N, C-alpha and C. Protein backbone atom coordinates (compact mmCIF):
# COMPACT_ATOMS: atom_id res chain seq x y z
N MET A 1 1.13 -1.24 -0.06
CA MET A 1 0.06 0.12 -0.20
C MET A 1 0.59 1.52 -0.26
N ALA A 2 1.87 1.66 0.55
CA ALA A 2 2.87 1.92 0.29
C ALA A 2 3.55 2.70 -0.75
N GLU A 3 3.46 1.29 -1.50
CA GLU A 3 3.37 1.85 -3.10
C GLU A 3 2.32 2.68 -3.71
N LYS A 4 1.57 1.92 -3.41
CA LYS A 4 0.20 2.77 -3.86
C LYS A 4 0.82 3.87 -3.77
N GLU A 5 0.48 4.16 -2.49
CA GLU A 5 0.69 5.35 -2.01
C GLU A 5 1.61 6.54 -2.79
N ALA A 6 2.64 6.25 -3.05
CA ALA A 6 3.90 7.20 -3.66
C ALA A 6 3.72 7.00 -4.77
N GLU A 7 3.47 6.10 -5.91
CA GLU A 7 2.56 6.23 -7.05
C GLU A 7 2.14 7.93 -7.38
N LYS A 8 1.16 7.21 -5.98
CA LYS A 8 -0.39 8.04 -6.53
C LYS A 8 0.49 8.96 -6.19
N ILE A 9 1.36 9.68 -5.66
CA ILE A 9 1.99 10.88 -5.16
C ILE A 9 2.65 11.60 -5.90
N VAL A 10 4.01 10.46 -6.80
CA VAL A 10 4.94 10.28 -8.00
C VAL A 10 3.98 10.90 -8.98
N GLY A 11 2.54 9.97 -9.13
CA GLY A 11 1.74 10.81 -10.43
C GLY A 11 1.09 11.91 -10.32
N GLN A 12 0.55 12.13 -8.81
CA GLN A 12 0.00 13.56 -8.97
C GLN A 12 1.28 14.37 -9.78
N GLU A 13 2.83 14.60 -9.11
CA GLU A 13 3.30 15.27 -9.25
C GLU A 13 3.22 15.47 -10.35
N GLN A 14 3.74 14.53 -10.88
CA GLN A 14 4.09 13.91 -12.94
C GLN A 14 3.10 14.70 -13.79
N GLY A 15 1.59 14.92 -12.70
CA GLY A 15 0.54 15.43 -12.52
C GLY A 15 0.45 17.01 -12.80
N GLU A 16 1.07 17.20 -11.36
CA GLU A 16 1.13 18.75 -11.28
C GLU A 16 2.11 19.18 -12.22
N GLY A 17 2.88 18.53 -12.45
CA GLY A 17 4.26 18.82 -13.92
C GLY A 17 3.79 19.76 -15.11
N GLU A 18 2.26 18.08 -15.95
CA GLU A 18 1.80 18.24 -16.73
C GLU A 18 0.92 19.50 -16.63
N ASP A 19 -0.39 19.60 -15.62
CA ASP A 19 -0.45 21.19 -15.34
C ASP A 19 -0.12 22.11 -15.66
N GLU A 20 0.82 22.35 -15.09
CA GLU A 20 1.78 23.25 -15.24
C GLU A 20 2.31 23.69 -16.31
N ASP A 21 2.99 22.43 -17.39
CA ASP A 21 2.90 22.86 -18.43
C ASP A 21 2.36 22.97 -19.75
N VAL A 22 0.73 22.57 -18.71
CA VAL A 22 0.18 23.07 -20.40
C VAL A 22 -0.85 24.18 -19.23
N GLN A 23 -0.01 24.99 -18.45
CA GLN A 23 -0.79 26.24 -18.03
C GLN A 23 -0.14 27.13 -19.45
N ARG A 24 1.16 26.52 -18.66
CA ARG A 24 2.54 27.37 -19.38
C ARG A 24 1.92 27.19 -20.99
N ALA A 25 1.47 26.21 -21.82
CA ALA A 25 0.95 26.48 -22.66
C ALA A 25 0.01 27.29 -23.65
N ASP A 26 -0.60 27.42 -22.53
CA ASP A 26 -2.16 28.09 -22.64
C ASP A 26 -1.49 29.06 -22.27
N GLN A 27 -0.71 29.57 -21.47
CA GLN A 27 -0.67 31.11 -21.24
C GLN A 27 0.27 31.82 -22.80
N SER A 28 1.55 30.84 -22.96
CA SER A 28 1.67 31.42 -23.87
C SER A 28 1.14 31.52 -25.07
N THR A 29 0.08 30.51 -25.86
CA THR A 29 -1.53 30.37 -26.48
C THR A 29 -1.05 32.20 -26.03
N CYS A 30 -2.03 32.63 -24.95
CA CYS A 30 -2.91 33.74 -24.97
C CYS A 30 -2.26 34.28 -24.65
N ASP A 31 -1.06 34.60 -25.13
CA ASP A 31 0.16 35.58 -24.73
C ASP A 31 0.36 35.89 -26.19
N SER A 32 0.10 34.80 -26.83
CA SER A 32 0.90 35.09 -28.71
C SER A 32 -0.90 34.97 -28.83
N ASP A 33 -1.47 35.22 -28.14
CA ASP A 33 -2.88 35.44 -29.72
C ASP A 33 -3.14 37.05 -28.63
N GLU A 34 -3.10 37.47 -27.54
CA GLU A 34 -2.87 39.37 -27.33
C GLU A 34 -1.89 39.91 -27.78
N SER A 35 -1.13 39.38 -28.14
CA SER A 35 -0.12 39.74 -29.43
C SER A 35 -0.02 39.83 -30.32
N ASN A 36 -0.93 39.19 -31.01
CA ASN A 36 -1.63 39.43 -32.27
C ASN A 36 -2.57 40.48 -33.18
N LYS A 37 -2.83 40.39 -31.52
CA LYS A 37 -4.61 41.03 -31.78
C LYS A 37 -3.88 42.44 -30.72
N GLU A 38 -3.07 42.67 -30.05
CA GLU A 38 -2.15 44.05 -30.24
C GLU A 38 -1.96 44.41 -31.17
N GLU A 39 -1.35 43.79 -32.20
CA GLU A 39 -0.31 43.93 -33.77
C GLU A 39 -2.16 44.48 -34.77
N GLU A 40 -2.67 43.28 -34.64
CA GLU A 40 -3.52 43.97 -34.90
C GLU A 40 -4.12 45.61 -35.11
N LEU A 41 -4.28 45.36 -33.71
CA LEU A 41 -5.18 46.99 -33.21
C LEU A 41 -4.13 47.95 -33.26
N LYS A 42 -3.31 47.45 -32.81
CA LYS A 42 -1.83 49.22 -34.45
C LYS A 42 -1.84 49.17 -35.35
N LYS A 43 -2.47 48.24 -35.87
CA LYS A 43 -2.52 48.69 -37.55
C LYS A 43 -3.52 48.93 -38.12
N ALA A 44 -4.60 48.32 -36.91
CA ALA A 44 -6.20 49.04 -36.77
C ALA A 44 -5.82 50.79 -37.33
N LEU A 45 -5.10 50.61 -36.00
CA LEU A 45 -4.86 52.12 -35.31
C LEU A 45 -4.72 53.31 -36.27
N GLU A 46 -2.73 52.93 -37.18
CA GLU A 46 -1.87 53.04 -38.12
C GLU A 46 -2.84 53.66 -39.05
N GLU A 47 -3.40 53.03 -39.42
CA GLU A 47 -4.58 52.91 -41.00
C GLU A 47 -6.00 53.80 -40.41
N LYS A 48 -6.31 54.11 -38.89
CA LYS A 48 -7.61 54.72 -38.89
C LYS A 48 -6.91 56.46 -39.05
N GLU A 49 -6.09 56.19 -38.00
CA GLU A 49 -5.44 57.74 -38.10
C GLU A 49 -4.65 58.29 -39.74
N LYS A 50 -4.48 57.88 -40.20
CA LYS A 50 -4.19 58.27 -41.84
C LYS A 50 -5.31 58.46 -42.37
N GLU A 51 -6.07 57.34 -42.67
CA GLU A 51 -7.75 58.05 -43.28
C GLU A 51 -8.54 59.33 -42.28
N ALA A 52 -7.48 59.75 -41.49
CA ALA A 52 -8.18 60.87 -40.15
C ALA A 52 -7.10 62.65 -41.17
N ALA A 53 -6.51 61.77 -40.78
CA ALA A 53 -4.77 62.38 -41.53
C ALA A 53 -5.37 63.07 -42.58
N HIS A 54 -5.75 61.48 -43.88
CA HIS A 54 -6.07 62.64 -45.07
C HIS A 54 -7.60 63.10 -44.75
N TYR A 55 -9.27 63.28 -44.34
CA TYR A 55 -10.12 63.75 -44.46
C TYR A 55 -9.24 65.47 -43.88
N LYS A 56 -8.68 65.17 -42.78
CA LYS A 56 -8.46 66.30 -42.16
C LYS A 56 -7.59 66.97 -43.38
N GLU A 57 -6.53 66.72 -44.02
CA GLU A 57 -6.46 67.75 -44.86
C GLU A 57 -7.37 68.27 -46.00
N LEU A 58 -8.05 67.19 -46.65
CA LEU A 58 -8.86 67.54 -47.78
C LEU A 58 -10.59 68.24 -47.12
N TRP A 59 -10.28 68.38 -45.52
CA TRP A 59 -11.85 69.83 -45.30
C TRP A 59 -10.68 71.16 -45.04
N LEU A 60 -9.28 70.17 -44.30
CA LEU A 60 -8.18 71.65 -45.01
C LEU A 60 -8.78 72.39 -46.45
N ARG A 61 -8.20 72.32 -46.70
CA ARG A 61 -8.54 72.75 -48.51
C ARG A 61 -10.03 72.94 -48.67
N ALA A 62 -11.08 71.77 -48.23
CA ALA A 62 -12.21 73.36 -48.37
C ALA A 62 -12.63 73.92 -47.85
N LEU A 63 -11.86 73.59 -46.18
CA LEU A 63 -12.23 75.33 -45.68
C LEU A 63 -11.03 76.35 -47.10
N ALA A 64 -10.19 75.85 -47.39
CA ALA A 64 -9.46 77.01 -47.84
C ALA A 64 -10.46 77.67 -48.92
N ASP A 65 -10.43 76.79 -49.79
CA ASP A 65 -11.86 77.21 -50.90
C ASP A 65 -12.79 78.16 -50.63
N TYR A 66 -13.18 77.17 -49.78
CA TYR A 66 -14.80 78.51 -49.34
C TYR A 66 -13.97 79.86 -49.34
N ASP A 67 -12.72 79.25 -48.37
CA ASP A 67 -12.11 81.03 -47.73
C ASP A 67 -12.05 81.91 -48.68
N ASN A 68 -11.38 81.08 -49.69
CA ASN A 68 -11.32 81.42 -51.07
C ASN A 68 -12.32 82.48 -52.26
N LEU A 69 -13.43 81.48 -52.10
CA LEU A 69 -14.55 82.59 -52.50
C LEU A 69 -14.51 82.83 -51.99
N LYS A 70 -15.01 82.90 -50.63
CA LYS A 70 -15.84 83.58 -50.30
C LYS A 70 -14.78 85.73 -49.71
N LYS A 71 -13.62 84.97 -50.03
CA LYS A 71 -12.66 86.68 -50.81
C LYS A 71 -13.27 87.53 -51.76
N ARG A 72 -13.07 86.39 -52.69
CA ARG A 72 -13.73 86.95 -54.65
C ARG A 72 -14.84 87.34 -55.05
N THR A 73 -15.88 86.67 -53.94
CA THR A 73 -17.47 87.48 -53.97
C THR A 73 -17.52 87.91 -53.33
N GLN A 74 -16.59 88.54 -52.91
CA GLN A 74 -17.01 90.24 -51.57
C GLN A 74 -16.20 91.26 -52.86
N LYS A 75 -15.31 91.10 -52.81
CA LYS A 75 -14.44 91.60 -54.16
C LYS A 75 -15.53 92.02 -56.01
N GLU A 76 -16.07 91.12 -55.76
CA GLU A 76 -16.46 90.93 -57.07
C GLU A 76 -18.18 91.58 -56.65
N ILE A 77 -18.64 92.12 -55.11
CA ILE A 77 -20.07 92.97 -54.37
C ILE A 77 -19.03 93.48 -54.55
N GLU A 78 -18.40 94.79 -54.43
CA GLU A 78 -17.56 95.71 -53.67
C GLU A 78 -17.39 95.84 -55.65
N ASN A 79 -16.77 95.41 -56.00
CA ASN A 79 -16.48 95.98 -57.72
C ASN A 79 -18.37 96.42 -58.11
N ILE A 80 -19.03 95.61 -58.31
CA ILE A 80 -20.07 96.03 -58.41
C ILE A 80 -21.03 97.10 -57.75
N GLN A 81 -20.71 97.32 -56.72
CA GLN A 81 -21.02 98.13 -55.42
C GLN A 81 -19.85 99.82 -56.20
N LEU A 82 -19.46 100.21 -56.50
CA LEU A 82 -18.18 101.06 -57.20
C LEU A 82 -18.10 101.59 -58.38
N TYR A 83 -18.66 99.89 -59.08
CA TYR A 83 -18.86 100.75 -60.80
C TYR A 83 -20.65 100.27 -61.20
N ALA A 84 -21.11 100.52 -59.39
CA ALA A 84 -22.85 100.32 -60.48
C ALA A 84 -23.27 101.25 -61.36
N GLY A 85 -23.06 102.43 -61.37
CA GLY A 85 -23.46 103.56 -62.62
C GLY A 85 -22.81 104.65 -62.81
N GLU A 86 -21.91 103.11 -62.81
CA GLU A 86 -20.42 103.43 -64.24
C GLU A 86 -21.41 103.54 -66.00
N GLN A 87 -22.79 102.94 -66.32
CA GLN A 87 -23.37 103.43 -67.34
C GLN A 87 -24.05 104.63 -66.80
N LEU A 88 -24.99 104.94 -66.27
CA LEU A 88 -24.60 106.04 -66.05
C LEU A 88 -23.72 107.46 -66.57
N ILE A 89 -23.09 107.70 -65.43
CA ILE A 89 -21.81 108.76 -65.31
C ILE A 89 -21.78 108.49 -67.16
N LYS A 90 -21.74 107.32 -67.79
CA LYS A 90 -20.93 107.07 -69.34
C LYS A 90 -22.49 108.28 -69.97
N ASP A 91 -23.11 107.94 -69.94
CA ASP A 91 -24.74 108.61 -70.51
C ASP A 91 -24.87 110.27 -70.26
N ILE A 92 -24.34 110.78 -68.86
CA ILE A 92 -23.99 111.96 -68.42
C ILE A 92 -22.64 112.48 -69.20
N ILE A 93 -22.13 111.88 -69.63
CA ILE A 93 -20.68 112.06 -69.59
C ILE A 93 -21.26 113.70 -71.15
N PRO A 94 -22.05 113.23 -71.87
CA PRO A 94 -21.72 114.10 -73.32
C PRO A 94 -22.31 114.96 -73.15
N VAL A 95 -23.68 115.12 -71.54
CA VAL A 95 -24.18 116.08 -71.02
C VAL A 95 -23.95 117.58 -71.02
N LEU A 96 -22.30 116.83 -70.52
CA LEU A 96 -21.16 118.19 -69.65
C LEU A 96 -20.66 118.11 -71.44
N ASP A 97 -20.57 117.76 -72.48
CA ASP A 97 -20.21 118.11 -73.36
C ASP A 97 -21.18 119.13 -73.94
N ASN A 98 -22.14 119.09 -74.03
CA ASN A 98 -23.04 119.25 -74.94
C ASN A 98 -22.66 120.91 -73.59
N PHE A 99 -22.51 121.20 -72.74
CA PHE A 99 -22.86 122.44 -71.53
C PHE A 99 -21.32 123.03 -72.34
N GLU A 100 -19.84 122.22 -71.98
CA GLU A 100 -18.93 123.32 -72.18
C GLU A 100 -18.94 123.31 -74.08
N ARG A 101 -19.73 122.80 -74.27
CA ARG A 101 -19.87 123.72 -75.72
C ARG A 101 -20.66 124.80 -75.96
N ALA A 102 -21.65 124.60 -75.53
CA ALA A 102 -22.85 125.99 -74.53
C ALA A 102 -22.64 127.27 -74.29
N ILE A 103 -20.92 126.74 -73.40
CA ILE A 103 -20.41 127.63 -72.55
C ILE A 103 -19.82 129.17 -73.87
N ASP A 104 -18.96 127.70 -73.84
CA ASP A 104 -18.01 128.39 -75.80
C ASP A 104 -18.64 129.40 -76.52
N SER A 105 -19.90 129.13 -76.70
CA SER A 105 -20.59 129.26 -77.50
C SER A 105 -21.01 130.86 -77.47
N VAL A 106 -21.28 131.44 -75.87
CA VAL A 106 -21.89 131.85 -75.86
C VAL A 106 -20.47 132.84 -75.98
N GLU A 107 -21.55 134.63 -75.92
CA GLU A 107 -19.88 135.82 -76.68
C GLU A 107 -20.63 136.67 -75.10
N ASP A 108 -21.32 137.07 -74.98
CA ASP A 108 -21.07 138.00 -74.24
C ASP A 108 -20.70 136.55 -72.52
N LYS A 109 -20.17 136.90 -72.03
CA LYS A 109 -19.53 136.40 -70.46
C LYS A 109 -20.61 136.90 -69.40
N GLU A 110 -21.05 138.48 -69.00
CA GLU A 110 -21.10 139.26 -68.01
C GLU A 110 -22.94 138.26 -68.00
N SER A 111 -23.16 138.40 -68.78
CA SER A 111 -25.31 137.77 -69.56
C SER A 111 -25.37 137.02 -67.89
N ALA A 112 -26.61 137.08 -67.75
CA ALA A 112 -26.85 136.21 -66.82
C ALA A 112 -27.10 134.53 -67.82
N PHE A 113 -27.75 134.72 -68.99
CA PHE A 113 -28.37 133.66 -69.24
C PHE A 113 -26.42 132.13 -69.80
N TYR A 114 -24.80 133.39 -69.93
CA TYR A 114 -24.33 132.95 -69.52
C TYR A 114 -23.49 132.33 -68.25
N ASN A 115 -23.52 133.08 -67.61
CA ASN A 115 -23.42 132.42 -65.66
C ASN A 115 -24.18 131.84 -65.72
N GLY A 116 -25.42 131.14 -65.96
CA GLY A 116 -26.52 130.40 -65.46
C GLY A 116 -26.08 128.76 -66.42
N ILE A 117 -25.86 129.46 -67.20
CA ILE A 117 -25.83 127.45 -68.16
C ILE A 117 -23.97 127.20 -67.02
N LYS A 118 -23.15 128.37 -66.68
CA LYS A 118 -21.69 128.51 -66.13
C LYS A 118 -22.46 127.45 -64.57
N MET A 119 -23.29 128.02 -64.42
CA MET A 119 -23.76 127.71 -62.57
C MET A 119 -23.94 126.28 -62.81
N ILE A 120 -25.08 126.40 -63.72
CA ILE A 120 -24.83 124.28 -63.85
C ILE A 120 -23.78 123.92 -63.97
N TYR A 121 -23.27 123.87 -65.32
CA TYR A 121 -22.07 122.90 -65.96
C TYR A 121 -20.92 123.18 -64.58
N ASN A 122 -20.60 123.96 -63.34
CA ASN A 122 -19.61 123.93 -62.01
C ASN A 122 -20.85 122.88 -61.89
N GLN A 123 -22.01 122.78 -61.03
CA GLN A 123 -22.18 121.81 -60.32
C GLN A 123 -22.90 120.12 -61.25
N LEU A 124 -22.98 120.71 -61.76
CA LEU A 124 -22.60 119.20 -62.22
C LEU A 124 -21.23 118.32 -62.18
N LYS A 125 -20.23 119.50 -62.32
CA LYS A 125 -19.06 118.89 -62.75
C LYS A 125 -18.67 118.47 -61.27
N GLY A 126 -19.21 119.23 -60.62
CA GLY A 126 -19.00 118.19 -58.48
C GLY A 126 -20.70 117.44 -58.32
N VAL A 127 -21.28 117.35 -58.90
CA VAL A 127 -21.38 116.07 -59.26
C VAL A 127 -21.38 114.62 -58.29
N MET A 128 -20.30 114.53 -60.45
CA MET A 128 -19.14 113.93 -61.05
C MET A 128 -18.26 113.64 -59.93
N LYS A 129 -17.28 114.37 -59.72
CA LYS A 129 -16.17 114.43 -58.76
C LYS A 129 -16.83 113.56 -57.92
N LYS A 130 -17.85 113.96 -56.72
CA LYS A 130 -18.79 113.82 -55.54
C LYS A 130 -18.82 112.16 -55.47
N TYR A 131 -19.41 111.26 -57.46
CA TYR A 131 -19.37 110.52 -57.30
C TYR A 131 -18.18 109.73 -57.91
N GLY A 132 -16.48 110.04 -58.08
CA GLY A 132 -15.03 109.77 -58.66
C GLY A 132 -15.53 109.58 -59.24
N VAL A 133 -16.10 111.22 -60.47
CA VAL A 133 -15.63 110.80 -61.59
C VAL A 133 -14.40 111.98 -62.27
N GLU A 134 -13.59 111.27 -62.04
CA GLU A 134 -12.32 112.07 -62.74
C GLU A 134 -11.96 112.65 -64.08
N GLU A 135 -11.10 113.51 -64.11
CA GLU A 135 -11.29 115.13 -65.45
C GLU A 135 -9.83 113.85 -66.31
N ILE A 136 -9.13 114.23 -66.70
CA ILE A 136 -8.05 113.01 -67.49
C ILE A 136 -6.90 114.31 -67.93
N GLU A 137 -5.87 114.41 -67.11
CA GLU A 137 -5.21 115.60 -67.14
C GLU A 137 -4.05 116.14 -68.85
N ALA A 138 -4.63 115.55 -69.58
CA ALA A 138 -4.11 115.25 -71.30
C ALA A 138 -2.45 116.95 -71.27
N GLN A 139 -3.19 117.83 -71.51
CA GLN A 139 -2.93 118.83 -72.20
C GLN A 139 -1.08 119.30 -72.32
N GLY A 140 -0.08 118.89 -72.10
CA GLY A 140 1.05 119.35 -71.61
C GLY A 140 1.36 117.77 -71.08
N LYS A 141 0.84 116.81 -71.25
CA LYS A 141 1.55 115.19 -70.67
C LYS A 141 2.06 114.41 -71.64
N PRO A 142 3.33 113.73 -71.45
CA PRO A 142 3.53 112.67 -72.34
C PRO A 142 2.13 111.41 -72.45
N PHE A 143 2.23 111.03 -73.74
CA PHE A 143 1.62 110.87 -74.18
C PHE A 143 1.41 108.80 -73.63
N ASP A 144 0.16 108.31 -73.65
CA ASP A 144 -0.59 107.70 -72.62
C ASP A 144 -1.79 106.98 -73.71
N PRO A 145 -1.27 105.37 -73.89
CA PRO A 145 -2.15 105.17 -74.69
C PRO A 145 -3.89 104.44 -74.16
N LYS A 146 -3.08 104.19 -72.59
CA LYS A 146 -4.07 103.40 -71.60
C LYS A 146 -5.30 104.61 -71.39
N LEU A 147 -4.90 106.13 -71.26
CA LEU A 147 -5.86 107.55 -71.04
C LEU A 147 -5.63 107.94 -71.96
N HIS A 148 -5.25 108.27 -73.06
CA HIS A 148 -5.31 108.72 -74.15
C HIS A 148 -5.30 108.34 -75.38
N GLU A 149 -6.95 108.86 -76.58
CA GLU A 149 -6.77 108.19 -78.32
C GLU A 149 -5.70 109.16 -78.61
N ALA A 150 -5.10 108.80 -79.77
CA ALA A 150 -4.53 109.90 -80.13
C ALA A 150 -5.31 109.82 -81.43
N ILE A 151 -5.52 110.43 -81.82
CA ILE A 151 -6.43 110.89 -84.02
C ILE A 151 -5.18 111.15 -84.91
N MET A 152 -4.41 112.26 -84.19
CA MET A 152 -3.71 112.34 -85.40
C MET A 152 -1.72 113.09 -84.62
N THR A 153 -0.84 113.27 -85.32
CA THR A 153 0.04 113.46 -84.50
C THR A 153 0.65 114.98 -85.32
N VAL A 154 0.91 115.76 -84.71
CA VAL A 154 1.67 117.34 -85.42
C VAL A 154 2.99 117.43 -84.82
N GLU A 155 3.61 117.97 -86.17
CA GLU A 155 4.70 118.09 -85.75
C GLU A 155 5.19 119.36 -84.55
N SER A 156 6.11 120.04 -84.26
CA SER A 156 5.95 120.78 -83.24
C SER A 156 7.21 121.09 -82.25
N GLU A 157 8.07 121.83 -82.61
CA GLU A 157 8.59 122.65 -82.04
C GLU A 157 9.07 122.98 -80.95
N GLU A 158 7.90 123.49 -80.26
CA GLU A 158 6.99 123.78 -78.68
C GLU A 158 7.44 122.07 -78.25
N TYR A 159 7.27 121.64 -78.40
CA TYR A 159 6.06 119.75 -77.14
C TYR A 159 7.32 119.36 -77.68
N GLU A 160 8.21 118.73 -76.76
CA GLU A 160 8.50 117.05 -77.24
C GLU A 160 7.99 116.44 -77.85
N ASP A 161 9.00 115.00 -78.54
CA ASP A 161 7.71 113.84 -78.84
C ASP A 161 6.94 113.15 -77.88
N GLU A 162 6.23 112.98 -78.84
CA GLU A 162 5.02 112.90 -78.06
C GLU A 162 4.01 112.43 -76.49
N THR A 163 4.00 114.04 -76.56
CA THR A 163 3.04 114.87 -75.62
C THR A 163 2.30 114.86 -76.74
N VAL A 164 0.97 115.41 -75.53
CA VAL A 164 -0.32 115.54 -75.72
C VAL A 164 0.28 116.88 -76.59
N VAL A 165 -0.95 117.67 -77.89
CA VAL A 165 -0.69 119.00 -78.28
C VAL A 165 -2.09 119.61 -77.97
N GLU A 166 -2.66 118.82 -77.94
CA GLU A 166 -3.90 119.68 -77.96
C GLU A 166 -5.39 118.56 -78.03
N VAL A 167 -5.87 119.11 -76.77
CA VAL A 167 -6.96 117.57 -76.39
C VAL A 167 -7.75 117.99 -76.91
N LEU A 168 -8.41 117.09 -78.18
CA LEU A 168 -10.41 117.60 -79.39
C LEU A 168 -11.69 116.81 -78.33
N ARG A 169 -10.98 115.90 -77.47
CA ARG A 169 -12.27 115.79 -76.55
C ARG A 169 -11.90 115.12 -75.39
N LYS A 170 -12.09 115.91 -74.04
CA LYS A 170 -11.54 115.23 -72.41
C LYS A 170 -12.32 113.99 -72.51
N GLY A 171 -11.39 113.67 -71.76
CA GLY A 171 -11.18 112.34 -71.75
C GLY A 171 -11.66 111.59 -69.66
N TYR A 172 -12.24 111.09 -69.14
CA TYR A 172 -12.66 110.64 -67.85
C TYR A 172 -12.42 109.44 -66.86
N THR A 173 -12.09 109.43 -65.77
CA THR A 173 -11.80 108.30 -65.59
C THR A 173 -12.97 108.00 -63.94
N TYR A 174 -13.86 106.75 -63.50
CA TYR A 174 -14.17 106.80 -62.37
C TYR A 174 -13.71 105.89 -61.73
N HIS A 175 -13.59 105.93 -60.42
CA HIS A 175 -13.02 105.08 -60.12
C HIS A 175 -11.73 104.72 -59.94
N SER A 176 -11.19 105.93 -61.06
CA SER A 176 -9.76 104.98 -61.10
C SER A 176 -9.82 104.51 -62.63
N LYS A 177 -10.61 103.20 -63.16
CA LYS A 177 -11.12 102.69 -64.09
C LYS A 177 -11.13 104.27 -65.65
N VAL A 178 -10.87 103.50 -66.89
CA VAL A 178 -11.06 104.72 -67.95
C VAL A 178 -12.25 104.82 -68.26
N ILE A 179 -13.13 105.22 -67.81
CA ILE A 179 -14.98 105.19 -69.24
C ILE A 179 -14.61 105.93 -70.72
N ARG A 180 -13.60 106.56 -70.56
CA ARG A 180 -13.86 108.05 -71.96
C ARG A 180 -12.45 107.97 -72.05
N PRO A 181 -11.38 107.88 -72.74
CA PRO A 181 -10.23 108.21 -73.11
C PRO A 181 -10.33 109.79 -73.83
N SER A 182 -8.98 110.10 -73.27
CA SER A 182 -9.36 111.25 -73.99
C SER A 182 -8.70 111.40 -75.73
N LEU A 183 -9.56 112.05 -76.56
CA LEU A 183 -8.89 112.40 -77.45
C LEU A 183 -7.74 113.34 -78.04
N VAL A 184 -6.75 112.99 -78.25
CA VAL A 184 -5.21 113.67 -77.99
C VAL A 184 -4.77 114.01 -79.66
N LYS A 185 -3.81 115.93 -80.12
CA LYS A 185 -3.32 115.71 -81.03
C LYS A 185 -2.00 115.23 -79.81
N VAL A 186 -0.80 114.73 -80.90
CA VAL A 186 -0.20 114.05 -80.14
C VAL A 186 1.34 114.84 -81.22
N ALA A 187 2.96 115.33 -80.19
CA ALA A 187 3.82 115.90 -81.40
C ALA A 187 4.93 114.91 -81.50
N LYS A 188 5.06 115.43 -82.47
CA LYS A 188 5.95 114.18 -82.95
C LYS A 188 7.13 114.95 -83.99
N LYS A 189 8.05 114.35 -83.58
CA LYS A 189 9.49 115.44 -83.85
C LYS A 189 9.88 114.52 -85.47
């Protein structure tokens, strides 16, 4: 009986050793599974971080595009408001020309008629100036094709080459935009 008990004790000890081996194997399998899961989770996290970075970049681009659109639209609105009266100004300029012709045609510069026309002319010029209409200075200035339209060239000893000798029709700008160039004669040597 002592032998059986000894075998039993040895068997238990061997069983315990086997249990420990099984537990160790289970533990290493569990550790292996956990490290695999951990690796998978890290890869998934990296993919999601890349995806989030990509979406953030797209969002920032869309935000910048929207900001640019907003600025461009605001500038267009400002230009529309600034130049809204351009056609009206273009239609009034010939009236201003006719006032100048009327003033030039009056012989009696002391008459009430002349003074009345001159007063209306000055008032109209004041209103035009108030709304951003400026006369282009041309007489004696260097010829500038952006501001002047040359009708003819004349030989002149008095003026330097490419200088405006005579203004045939006044030109005007509206908020620094040329709405009618000056018709001029240009000196040529």
